[in-house]
Amino acid sequence: MKVKNRKQVADYQSNKPVSSRGTSSKNIITFRRCSLQSKLESEENKMQLPKIAEYYGIRILTTSQLAEMYGTDTKTISYNFSYNKKKYLEGKHYIKLEGAELRAFKASREIPDCHKFSAHLYLWTEKGALLHAKSLNTDKAWEVYDYLVDFYFRAKEPEKKEIVPTKQSTRPVQEMIEDGKEKTPEVFLKGMRVARGAVVDIPENKEAQKLIMEARKYITALDALLDTYSMYRSEDEFKKIAYAVMAIGGKISRTTLFLYDVKPGVVEKCL
């Protein structure tokens, strides 16, 4: 039997470019789709997160870090900020450091050379990074912003579980097991008695944990805002900060009301 386009079949299997002659459009589309997917996966693997930096519990990025991540330069970031300054609120979108605060911040960490001798330093929050992505409006900026939100700004550090020792029983384990007369169900482990009982499932309740995380985020933001609020500043700037404090306070109140309305389940756990 005579096989047509034998060379084209061999080339396709070896991932070499082939002529579209004798190849179905379906195969061409599939081949291009695979190439695009491989390119996207490669770009994602190349993306590296900056070293985590926080100011009063708020995760931030410097201007140089933001420019590097978004694929632009610091002059463009600064220009976009100056051009759209009315849209930025200090304490919400950025934190401005100068004087003693700036010196303390520089002394506590490594600072890029471009910021070492600056009279002031802007630290951009998650919402500030969003406004810069809007100003740039490039595919890379939006892709990086989404990545930063998921893996930098809102990424949770692994929680350290505290081990609480229970009271050791004076009775032998075998005697307690054979007795079996305790009114409360218990688990016996290496001479230790741990009671079991019905408890609310707040530690594993997804709705409650999400609200708790939001409340903590707003409380941290309010703490930073209050430091800014207590500084000497112009009347116009004070009004903006006061408004931001009120807005964050409203979010805290709303979140706590939602927490009050949570209906937890009841599970049996070791007490």
C-alpha atoms as a PDB file:
ATOM      1  CA  MET A   1       0.000   0.000   0.000  1.00  0.00           C
ATOM      2  CA  LYS A   2       1.332   3.407  -0.948  1.00  0.00           C
ATOM      3  CA  VAL A   3       1.483   5.936   1.952  1.00  0.00           C
ATOM      4  CA  LYS A   4       1.008   9.596   0.986  1.00  0.00           C
ATOM      5  CA  ASN A   5       2.849  12.453   2.717  1.00  0.00           C
ATOM      6  CA  ARG A   6       5.076  10.090   4.705  1.00  0.00           C
ATOM      7  CA  LYS A   7       7.608  12.879   5.286  1.00  0.00           C
ATOM      8  CA  GLN A   8       4.932  15.219   6.597  1.00  0.00           C
ATOM      9  CA  VAL A   9       3.723  12.605   9.106  1.00  0.00           C
ATOM     10  CA  ALA A  10       7.261  12.015  10.381  1.00  0.00           C
ATOM     11  CA  ASP A  11       7.937  15.759  10.662  1.00  0.00           C
ATOM     12  CA  TYR A  12       4.682  16.343  12.565  1.00  0.00           C
ATOM     13  CA  GLN A  13       5.544  13.619  15.075  1.00  0.00           C
ATOM     14  CA  SER A  14       8.974  15.151  15.657  1.00  0.00           C
ATOM     15  CA  ASN A  15       7.446  18.649  16.228  1.00  0.00           C
ATOM     16  CA  LYS A  16       9.178  20.119  13.145  1.00  0.00           C
ATOM     17  CA  PRO A  17       7.400  22.822  11.129  1.00  0.00           C
ATOM     18  CA  VAL A  18       5.402  21.255   8.335  1.00  0.00           C
ATOM     19  CA  SER A  19       3.641  22.507   5.293  1.00  0.00           C
ATOM     20  CA  SER A  20      -0.141  22.849   5.538  1.00  0.00           C
ATOM     21  CA  ARG A  21      -0.433  20.895   2.277  1.00  0.00           C
ATOM     22  CA  GLY A  22      -1.994  17.531   2.983  1.00  0.00           C
ATOM     23  CA  THR A  23      -2.653  18.413   6.648  1.00  0.00           C
ATOM     24  CA  SER A  24      -6.189  18.987   7.916  1.00  0.00           C
ATOM     25  CA  SER A  25      -7.187  22.357   9.379  1.00  0.00           C
ATOM     26  CA  LYS A  26      -8.149  20.546  12.580  1.00  0.00           C
ATOM     27  CA  ASN A  27      -4.552  19.352  13.070  1.00  0.00           C
ATOM     28  CA  ILE A  28      -3.175  22.849  12.397  1.00  0.00           C
ATOM     29  CA  ILE A  29      -5.516  24.440  14.997  1.00  0.00           C
ATOM     30  CA  THR A  30      -4.629  21.776  17.560  1.00  0.00           C
ATOM     31  CA  PHE A  31      -0.915  22.255  16.938  1.00  0.00           C
ATOM     32  CA  ARG A  32      -1.155  26.056  17.338  1.00  0.00           C
ATOM     33  CA  ARG A  33      -3.289  25.717  20.441  1.00  0.00           C
ATOM     34  CA  CYS A  34      -0.689  23.420  22.066  1.00  0.00           C
ATOM     35  CA  SER A  35       2.104  25.860  21.196  1.00  0.00           C
ATOM     36  CA  LEU A  36       0.205  28.783  22.763  1.00  0.00           C
ATOM     37  CA  GLN A  37      -0.533  26.772  25.910  1.00  0.00           C
ATOM     38  CA  SER A  38       3.130  25.821  26.248  1.00  0.00           C
ATOM     39  CA  LYS A  39       4.135  29.468  25.879  1.00  0.00           C
ATOM     40  CA  LEU A  40       1.701  30.602  28.578  1.00  0.00           C
ATOM     41  CA  GLU A  41       2.887  27.888  30.981  1.00  0.00           C
ATOM     42  CA  SER A  42       6.489  28.870  30.328  1.00  0.00           C
ATOM     43  CA  GLU A  43       5.772  32.547  31.080  1.00  0.00           C
ATOM     44  CA  GLU A  44       3.969  31.605  34.284  1.00  0.00           C
ATOM     45  CA  ASN A  45       6.921  29.534  35.486  1.00  0.00           C
ATOM     46  CA  LYS A  46       9.273  32.466  34.833  1.00  0.00           C
ATOM     47  CA  MET A  47       7.220  34.867  37.010  1.00  0.00           C
ATOM     48  CA  GLN A  48       8.923  35.343  40.353  1.00  0.00           C
ATOM     49  CA  LEU A  49       7.355  36.914  43.404  1.00  0.00           C
ATOM     50  CA  PRO A  50       9.171  39.732  45.191  1.00  0.00           C
ATOM     51  CA  LYS A  51      10.436  39.205  48.709  1.00  0.00           C
ATOM     52  CA  ILE A  52       7.546  39.739  51.131  1.00  0.00           C
ATOM     53  CA  ALA A  53       7.605  43.208  52.700  1.00  0.00           C
ATOM     54  CA  GLU A  54       5.074  44.565  55.192  1.00  0.00           C
ATOM     55  CA  TYR A  55       4.475  47.898  56.896  1.00  0.00           C
ATOM     56  CA  TYR A  56       2.378  47.654  60.066  1.00  0.00           C
ATOM     57  CA  GLY A  57       1.017  44.325  58.834  1.00  0.00           C
ATOM     58  CA  ILE A  58       0.096  45.592  55.357  1.00  0.00           C
ATOM     59  CA  ARG A  59       1.867  43.936  52.423  1.00  0.00           C
ATOM     60  CA  ILE A  60       3.402  46.544  50.156  1.00  0.00           C
ATOM     61  CA  LEU A  61       5.605  46.992  47.085  1.00  0.00           C
ATOM     62  CA  THR A  62       8.087  49.773  46.370  1.00  0.00           C
ATOM     63  CA  THR A  63       7.936  51.756  43.137  1.00  0.00           C
ATOM     64  CA  SER A  64      10.933  49.894  41.697  1.00  0.00           C
ATOM     65  CA  GLN A  65       9.400  46.497  42.553  1.00  0.00           C
ATOM     66  CA  LEU A  66       6.081  47.464  40.972  1.00  0.00           C
ATOM     67  CA  ALA A  67       7.811  48.745  37.825  1.00  0.00           C
ATOM     68  CA  GLU A  68       9.880  45.568  37.482  1.00  0.00           C
ATOM     69  CA  MET A  69       6.853  43.299  37.956  1.00  0.00           C
ATOM     70  CA  TYR A  70       4.702  45.252  35.484  1.00  0.00           C
ATOM     71  CA  GLY A  71       7.431  45.397  32.843  1.00  0.00           C
ATOM     72  CA  THR A  72       7.890  49.181  32.861  1.00  0.00           C
ATOM     73  CA  ASP A  73      10.168  51.735  34.569  1.00  0.00           C
ATOM     74  CA  THR A  74       9.925  53.852  37.696  1.00  0.00           C
ATOM     75  CA  LYS A  75       9.495  57.076  35.687  1.00  0.00           C
ATOM     76  CA  THR A  76       6.297  55.700  34.121  1.00  0.00           C
ATOM     77  CA  ILE A  77       4.956  54.602  37.512  1.00  0.00           C
ATOM     78  CA  SER A  78       5.720  58.040  39.010  1.00  0.00           C
ATOM     79  CA  TYR A  79       4.221  59.877  36.019  1.00  0.00           C
ATOM     80  CA  ASN A  80       0.989  57.859  36.140  1.00  0.00           C
ATOM     81  CA  PHE A  81       0.718  58.541  39.864  1.00  0.00           C
ATOM     82  CA  SER A  82       1.244  62.306  39.413  1.00  0.00           C
ATOM     83  CA  TYR A  83      -1.210  62.461  36.507  1.00  0.00           C
ATOM     84  CA  ASN A  84      -3.948  60.575  38.423  1.00  0.00           C
ATOM     85  CA  LYS A  85      -3.068  61.716  41.952  1.00  0.00           C
ATOM     86  CA  LYS A  86      -6.678  62.671  42.784  1.00  0.00           C
ATOM     87  CA  LYS A  87      -7.681  59.010  42.484  1.00  0.00           C
ATOM     88  CA  TYR A  88      -5.100  57.872  45.065  1.00  0.00           C
ATOM     89  CA  LEU A  89      -5.794  58.064  48.788  1.00  0.00           C
ATOM     90  CA  GLU A  90      -2.911  57.958  51.235  1.00  0.00           C
ATOM     91  CA  GLY A  91      -3.377  55.052  53.608  1.00  0.00           C
ATOM     92  CA  LYS A  92      -5.582  53.185  51.134  1.00  0.00           C
ATOM     93  CA  HIS A  93      -3.616  53.070  47.883  1.00  0.00           C
ATOM     94  CA  TYR A  94      -0.173  54.051  49.153  1.00  0.00           C
ATOM     95  CA  ILE A  95       1.851  54.904  52.243  1.00  0.00           C
ATOM     96  CA  LYS A  96       4.284  57.797  52.037  1.00  0.00           C
ATOM     97  CA  LEU A  97       7.365  57.543  54.239  1.00  0.00           C
ATOM     98  CA  GLU A  98       9.658  60.444  55.066  1.00  0.00           C
ATOM     99  CA  GLY A  99      11.774  61.695  57.925  1.00  0.00           C
ATOM    100  CA  ALA A 100      12.182  59.366  60.904  1.00  0.00           C
ATOM    101  CA  GLU A 101       9.713  56.804  59.502  1.00  0.00           C
ATOM    102  CA  LEU A 102      11.709  56.532  56.278  1.00  0.00           C
ATOM    103  CA  ARG A 103      15.023  56.165  58.134  1.00  0.00           C
ATOM    104  CA  ALA A 104      13.582  53.426  60.334  1.00  0.00           C
ATOM    105  CA  PHE A 105      12.164  51.617  57.294  1.00  0.00           C
ATOM    106  CA  LYS A 106      15.495  51.768  55.440  1.00  0.00           C
ATOM    107  CA  ALA A 107      17.370  50.514  58.485  1.00  0.00           C
ATOM    108  CA  SER A 108      15.086  47.491  58.872  1.00  0.00           C
ATOM    109  CA  ARG A 109      15.561  46.013  55.389  1.00  0.00           C
ATOM    110  CA  GLU A 110      17.504  46.091  52.131  1.00  0.00           C
ATOM    111  CA  ILE A 111      16.496  48.995  49.896  1.00  0.00           C
ATOM    112  CA  PRO A 112      17.175  49.188  46.114  1.00  0.00           C
ATOM    113  CA  ASP A 113      19.894  51.680  45.184  1.00  0.00           C
ATOM    114  CA  CYS A 114      17.370  53.942  43.445  1.00  0.00           C
ATOM    115  CA  HIS A 115      15.588  54.534  46.790  1.00  0.00           C
ATOM    116  CA  LYS A 116      18.557  54.748  49.180  1.00  0.00           C
ATOM    117  CA  PHE A 117      18.949  58.533  49.004  1.00  0.00           C
ATOM    118  CA  SER A 118      15.325  59.494  48.356  1.00  0.00           C
ATOM    119  CA  ALA A 119      13.784  62.129  50.637  1.00  0.00           C
ATOM    120  CA  HIS A 120      10.530  60.160  50.609  1.00  0.00           C
ATOM    121  CA  LEU A 121       9.375  56.684  49.640  1.00  0.00           C
ATOM    122  CA  TYR A 122       6.034  55.466  48.325  1.00  0.00           C
ATOM    123  CA  LEU A 123       4.829  52.023  49.394  1.00  0.00           C
ATOM    124  CA  TRP A 124       2.015  50.689  47.220  1.00  0.00           C
ATOM    125  CA  THR A 125      -0.777  48.563  48.667  1.00  0.00           C
ATOM    126  CA  GLU A 126      -2.899  46.008  46.792  1.00  0.00           C
ATOM    127  CA  LYS A 127      -5.397  48.724  45.832  1.00  0.00           C
ATOM    128  CA  GLY A 128      -2.558  50.982  44.708  1.00  0.00           C
ATOM    129  CA  ALA A 129      -1.176  48.205  42.519  1.00  0.00           C
ATOM    130  CA  LEU A 130      -4.651  47.913  40.969  1.00  0.00           C
ATOM    131  CA  LEU A 131      -4.729  51.604  40.002  1.00  0.00           C
ATOM    132  CA  HIS A 132      -1.282  51.320  38.419  1.00  0.00           C
ATOM    133  CA  ALA A 133      -2.416  48.272  36.431  1.00  0.00           C
ATOM    134  CA  LYS A 134      -5.392  50.331  35.204  1.00  0.00           C
ATOM    135  CA  SER A 135      -3.090  53.182  34.155  1.00  0.00           C
ATOM    136  CA  LEU A 136      -0.727  50.882  32.233  1.00  0.00           C
ATOM    137  CA  ASN A 137      -3.607  48.766  30.876  1.00  0.00           C
ATOM    138  CA  THR A 138      -1.335  46.151  29.298  1.00  0.00           C
ATOM    139  CA  ASP A 139      -1.884  42.395  29.207  1.00  0.00           C
ATOM    140  CA  LYS A 140       1.284  41.883  31.258  1.00  0.00           C
ATOM    141  CA  ALA A 141       0.237  44.373  33.937  1.00  0.00           C
ATOM    142  CA  TRP A 142      -3.179  42.744  34.379  1.00  0.00           C
ATOM    143  CA  GLU A 143      -1.693  39.240  34.376  1.00  0.00           C
ATOM    144  CA  VAL A 144       0.914  40.209  36.988  1.00  0.00           C
ATOM    145  CA  TYR A 145      -1.661  42.029  39.142  1.00  0.00           C
ATOM    146  CA  ASP A 146      -3.885  38.921  39.280  1.00  0.00           C
ATOM    147  CA  TYR A 147      -0.837  36.841  40.177  1.00  0.00           C
ATOM    148  CA  LEU A 148       0.212  39.269  42.930  1.00  0.00           C
ATOM    149  CA  VAL A 149      -3.280  39.276  44.452  1.00  0.00           C
ATOM    150  CA  ASP A 150      -3.388  35.473  44.649  1.00  0.00           C
ATOM    151  CA  PHE A 151       0.195  34.727  45.646  1.00  0.00           C
ATOM    152  CA  TYR A 152       1.528  37.884  47.330  1.00  0.00           C
ATOM    153  CA  PHE A 153      -1.013  40.347  48.741  1.00  0.00           C
ATOM    154  CA  ARG A 154      -3.555  37.775  49.943  1.00  0.00           C
ATOM    155  CA  ALA A 155      -1.373  34.707  50.322  1.00  0.00           C
ATOM    156  CA  LYS A 156      -1.672  33.273  53.824  1.00  0.00           C
ATOM    157  CA  GLU A 157       1.433  32.144  55.665  1.00  0.00           C
ATOM    158  CA  PRO A 158       1.217  28.613  57.104  1.00  0.00           C
ATOM    159  CA  GLU A 159      -0.356  28.701  60.524  1.00  0.00           C
ATOM    160  CA  LYS A 160       1.593  27.315  63.466  1.00  0.00           C
ATOM    161  CA  LYS A 161      -0.602  24.945  65.419  1.00  0.00           C
ATOM    162  CA  GLU A 162      -0.174  25.210  69.153  1.00  0.00           C
ATOM    163  CA  ILE A 163      -0.037  21.919  71.007  1.00  0.00           C
ATOM    164  CA  VAL A 164      -1.831  22.185  74.345  1.00  0.00           C
ATOM    165  CA  PRO A 165      -0.936  19.378  76.782  1.00  0.00           C
ATOM    166  CA  THR A 166      -3.864  17.797  78.592  1.00  0.00           C
ATOM    167  CA  LYS A 167      -3.897  16.808  82.237  1.00  0.00           C
ATOM    168  CA  GLN A 168      -2.331  13.433  82.849  1.00  0.00           C
ATOM    169  CA  SER A 169      -4.482  10.946  84.699  1.00  0.00           C
ATOM    170  CA  THR A 170      -3.173   9.240  87.847  1.00  0.00           C
ATOM    171  CA  ARG A 171      -4.984   6.007  86.990  1.00  0.00           C
ATOM    172  CA  PRO A 172      -3.380   3.346  84.779  1.00  0.00           C
ATOM    173  CA  VAL A 173      -4.584   3.337  81.176  1.00  0.00           C
ATOM    174  CA  GLN A 174      -5.677  -0.306  81.265  1.00  0.00           C
ATOM    175  CA  GLU A 175      -7.755   0.312  84.401  1.00  0.00           C
ATOM    176  CA  MET A 176      -9.546   3.249  82.760  1.00  0.00           C
ATOM    177  CA  ILE A 177     -10.277   1.263  79.607  1.00  0.00           C
ATOM    178  CA  GLU A 178     -11.654  -1.682  81.564  1.00  0.00           C
ATOM    179  CA  ASP A 179     -13.676   0.553  83.868  1.00  0.00           C
ATOM    180  CA  GLY A 180     -15.606   2.328  81.129  1.00  0.00           C
ATOM    181  CA  LYS A 181     -17.878   4.101  83.609  1.00  0.00           C
ATOM    182  CA  GLU A 182     -17.024   7.736  82.781  1.00  0.00           C
ATOM    183  CA  LYS A 183     -20.067   9.756  81.769  1.00  0.00           C
ATOM    184  CA  THR A 184     -18.171  11.802  79.147  1.00  0.00           C
ATOM    185  CA  PRO A 185     -16.877   9.956  76.048  1.00  0.00           C
ATOM    186  CA  GLU A 186     -13.083   9.929  76.208  1.00  0.00           C
ATOM    187  CA  VAL A 187     -10.060   8.922  74.176  1.00  0.00           C
ATOM    188  CA  PHE A 188      -7.109   7.310  76.018  1.00  0.00           C
ATOM    189  CA  LEU A 189      -3.624   8.020  74.636  1.00  0.00           C
ATOM    190  CA  LYS A 190      -0.438   7.008  76.435  1.00  0.00           C
ATOM    191  CA  GLY A 191      -1.759   7.650  79.927  1.00  0.00           C
ATOM    192  CA  MET A 192      -3.487  10.913  78.922  1.00  0.00           C
ATOM    193  CA  ARG A 193      -7.244  11.357  78.995  1.00  0.00           C
ATOM    194  CA  VAL A 194      -8.816  13.665  76.385  1.00  0.00           C
ATOM    195  CA  ALA A 195     -12.552  14.335  76.635  1.00  0.00           C
ATOM    196  CA  ARG A 196     -14.698  14.598  73.507  1.00  0.00           C
ATOM    197  CA  GLY A 197     -17.750  16.767  73.137  1.00  0.00           C
ATOM    198  CA  ALA A 198     -19.996  18.773  70.804  1.00  0.00           C
ATOM    199  CA  VAL A 199     -18.461  22.067  69.651  1.00  0.00           C
ATOM    200  CA  VAL A 200     -19.154  24.670  66.963  1.00  0.00           C
ATOM    201  CA  ASP A 201     -17.173  24.252  63.730  1.00  0.00           C
ATOM    202  CA  ILE A 202     -15.884  27.846  63.428  1.00  0.00           C
ATOM    203  CA  PRO A 203     -12.212  26.778  62.888  1.00  0.00           C
ATOM    204  CA  GLU A 204     -13.250  24.829  59.760  1.00  0.00           C
ATOM    205  CA  ASN A 205     -16.262  26.941  58.716  1.00  0.00           C
ATOM    206  CA  LYS A 206     -15.285  28.499  55.351  1.00  0.00           C
ATOM    207  CA  GLU A 207     -17.746  31.391  55.580  1.00  0.00           C
ATOM    208  CA  ALA A 208     -16.598  32.356  59.083  1.00  0.00           C
ATOM    209  CA  GLN A 209     -12.891  32.047  58.249  1.00  0.00           C
ATOM    210  CA  LYS A 210     -13.304  34.226  55.165  1.00  0.00           C
ATOM    211  CA  LEU A 211     -15.020  36.934  57.239  1.00  0.00           C
ATOM    212  CA  ILE A 212     -12.374  36.679  59.963  1.00  0.00           C
ATOM    213  CA  MET A 213      -9.630  37.169  57.369  1.00  0.00           C
ATOM    214  CA  GLU A 214     -11.454  40.224  55.958  1.00  0.00           C
ATOM    215  CA  ALA A 215     -11.957  41.703  59.432  1.00  0.00           C
ATOM    216  CA  ARG A 216      -8.264  41.276  60.262  1.00  0.00           C
ATOM    217  CA  LYS A 217      -7.285  42.926  56.976  1.00  0.00           C
ATOM    218  CA  TYR A 218      -9.488  45.955  57.682  1.00  0.00           C
ATOM    219  CA  ILE A 219      -8.297  46.199  61.301  1.00  0.00           C
ATOM    220  CA  THR A 220      -4.664  46.159  60.121  1.00  0.00           C
ATOM    221  CA  ALA A 221      -5.436  48.866  57.562  1.00  0.00           C
ATOM    222  CA  LEU A 222      -7.180  50.955  60.232  1.00  0.00           C
ATOM    223  CA  ASP A 223      -4.160  50.637  62.529  1.00  0.00           C
ATOM    224  CA  ALA A 224      -1.881  51.991  59.793  1.00  0.00           C
ATOM    225  CA  LEU A 225      -4.383  54.747  58.955  1.00  0.00           C
ATOM    226  CA  LEU A 226      -4.567  55.891  62.580  1.00  0.00           C
ATOM    227  CA  ASP A 227      -0.797  56.360  62.614  1.00  0.00           C
ATOM    228  CA  THR A 228      -1.159  58.526  59.515  1.00  0.00           C
ATOM    229  CA  TYR A 229      -4.158  60.329  61.029  1.00  0.00           C
ATOM    230  CA  SER A 230      -2.144  61.380  64.093  1.00  0.00           C
ATOM    231  CA  MET A 231       0.507  63.266  62.077  1.00  0.00           C
ATOM    232  CA  TYR A 232       0.791  66.983  61.299  1.00  0.00           C
ATOM    233  CA  ARG A 233      -0.610  67.644  57.830  1.00  0.00           C
ATOM    234  CA  SER A 234      -2.615  70.147  55.807  1.00  0.00           C
ATOM    235  CA  GLU A 235      -6.363  70.499  56.324  1.00  0.00           C
ATOM    236  CA  ASP A 236      -7.172  69.033  52.899  1.00  0.00           C
ATOM    237  CA  GLU A 237      -4.984  65.971  53.517  1.00  0.00           C
ATOM    238  CA  PHE A 238      -6.484  65.558  56.984  1.00  0.00           C
ATOM    239  CA  LYS A 239     -10.008  65.440  55.521  1.00  0.00           C
ATOM    240  CA  LYS A 240      -8.971  62.679  53.124  1.00  0.00           C
ATOM    241  CA  ILE A 241      -7.391  60.626  55.900  1.00  0.00           C
ATOM    242  CA  ALA A 242     -10.413  61.156  58.159  1.00  0.00           C
ATOM    243  CA  TYR A 243     -12.701  59.958  55.358  1.00  0.00           C
ATOM    244  CA  ALA A 244     -10.530  56.863  54.828  1.00  0.00           C
ATOM    245  CA  VAL A 245     -10.669  56.107  58.583  1.00  0.00           C
ATOM    246  CA  MET A 246     -14.452  56.376  58.510  1.00  0.00           C
ATOM    247  CA  ALA A 247     -14.698  54.132  55.419  1.00  0.00           C
ATOM    248  CA  ILE A 248     -12.491  51.422  56.948  1.00  0.00           C
ATOM    249  CA  GLY A 249     -14.447  51.643  60.214  1.00  0.00           C
ATOM    250  CA  GLY A 250     -17.660  51.080  58.272  1.00  0.00           C
ATOM    251  CA  LYS A 251     -16.202  47.983  56.626  1.00  0.00           C
ATOM    252  CA  ILE A 252     -15.155  46.599  60.003  1.00  0.00           C
ATOM    253  CA  SER A 253     -18.665  47.148  61.387  1.00  0.00           C
ATOM    254  CA  ARG A 254     -20.268  45.487  58.372  1.00  0.00           C
ATOM    255  CA  THR A 255     -17.928  42.482  58.555  1.00  0.00           C
ATOM    256  CA  THR A 256     -18.568  41.973  62.271  1.00  0.00           C
ATOM    257  CA  LEU A 257     -22.330  42.051  61.621  1.00  0.00           C
ATOM    258  CA  PHE A 258     -21.866  39.317  59.024  1.00  0.00           C
ATOM    259  CA  LEU A 259     -19.843  37.339  61.570  1.00  0.00           C
ATOM    260  CA  TYR A 260     -22.721  37.666  64.030  1.00  0.00           C
ATOM    261  CA  ASP A 261     -25.109  36.181  61.449  1.00  0.00           C
ATOM    262  CA  VAL A 262     -22.933  33.123  60.734  1.00  0.00           C
ATOM    263  CA  LYS A 263     -24.742  29.875  61.553  1.00  0.00           C
ATOM    264  CA  PRO A 264     -22.015  27.409  62.586  1.00  0.00           C
ATOM    265  CA  GLY A 265     -22.452  23.668  62.503  1.00  0.00           C
ATOM    266  CA  VAL A 266     -21.896  21.377  65.476  1.00  0.00           C
ATOM    267  CA  VAL A 267     -19.212  18.680  65.376  1.00  0.00           C
ATOM    268  CA  GLU A 268     -17.643  16.311  67.897  1.00  0.00           C
ATOM    269  CA  LYS A 269     -14.045  17.107  68.721  1.00  0.00           C
ATOM    270  CA  CYS A 270     -11.457  16.503  71.423  1.00  0.00           C
ATOM    271  CA  LEU A 271     -11.712  19.192  74.103  1.00  0.00           C
END
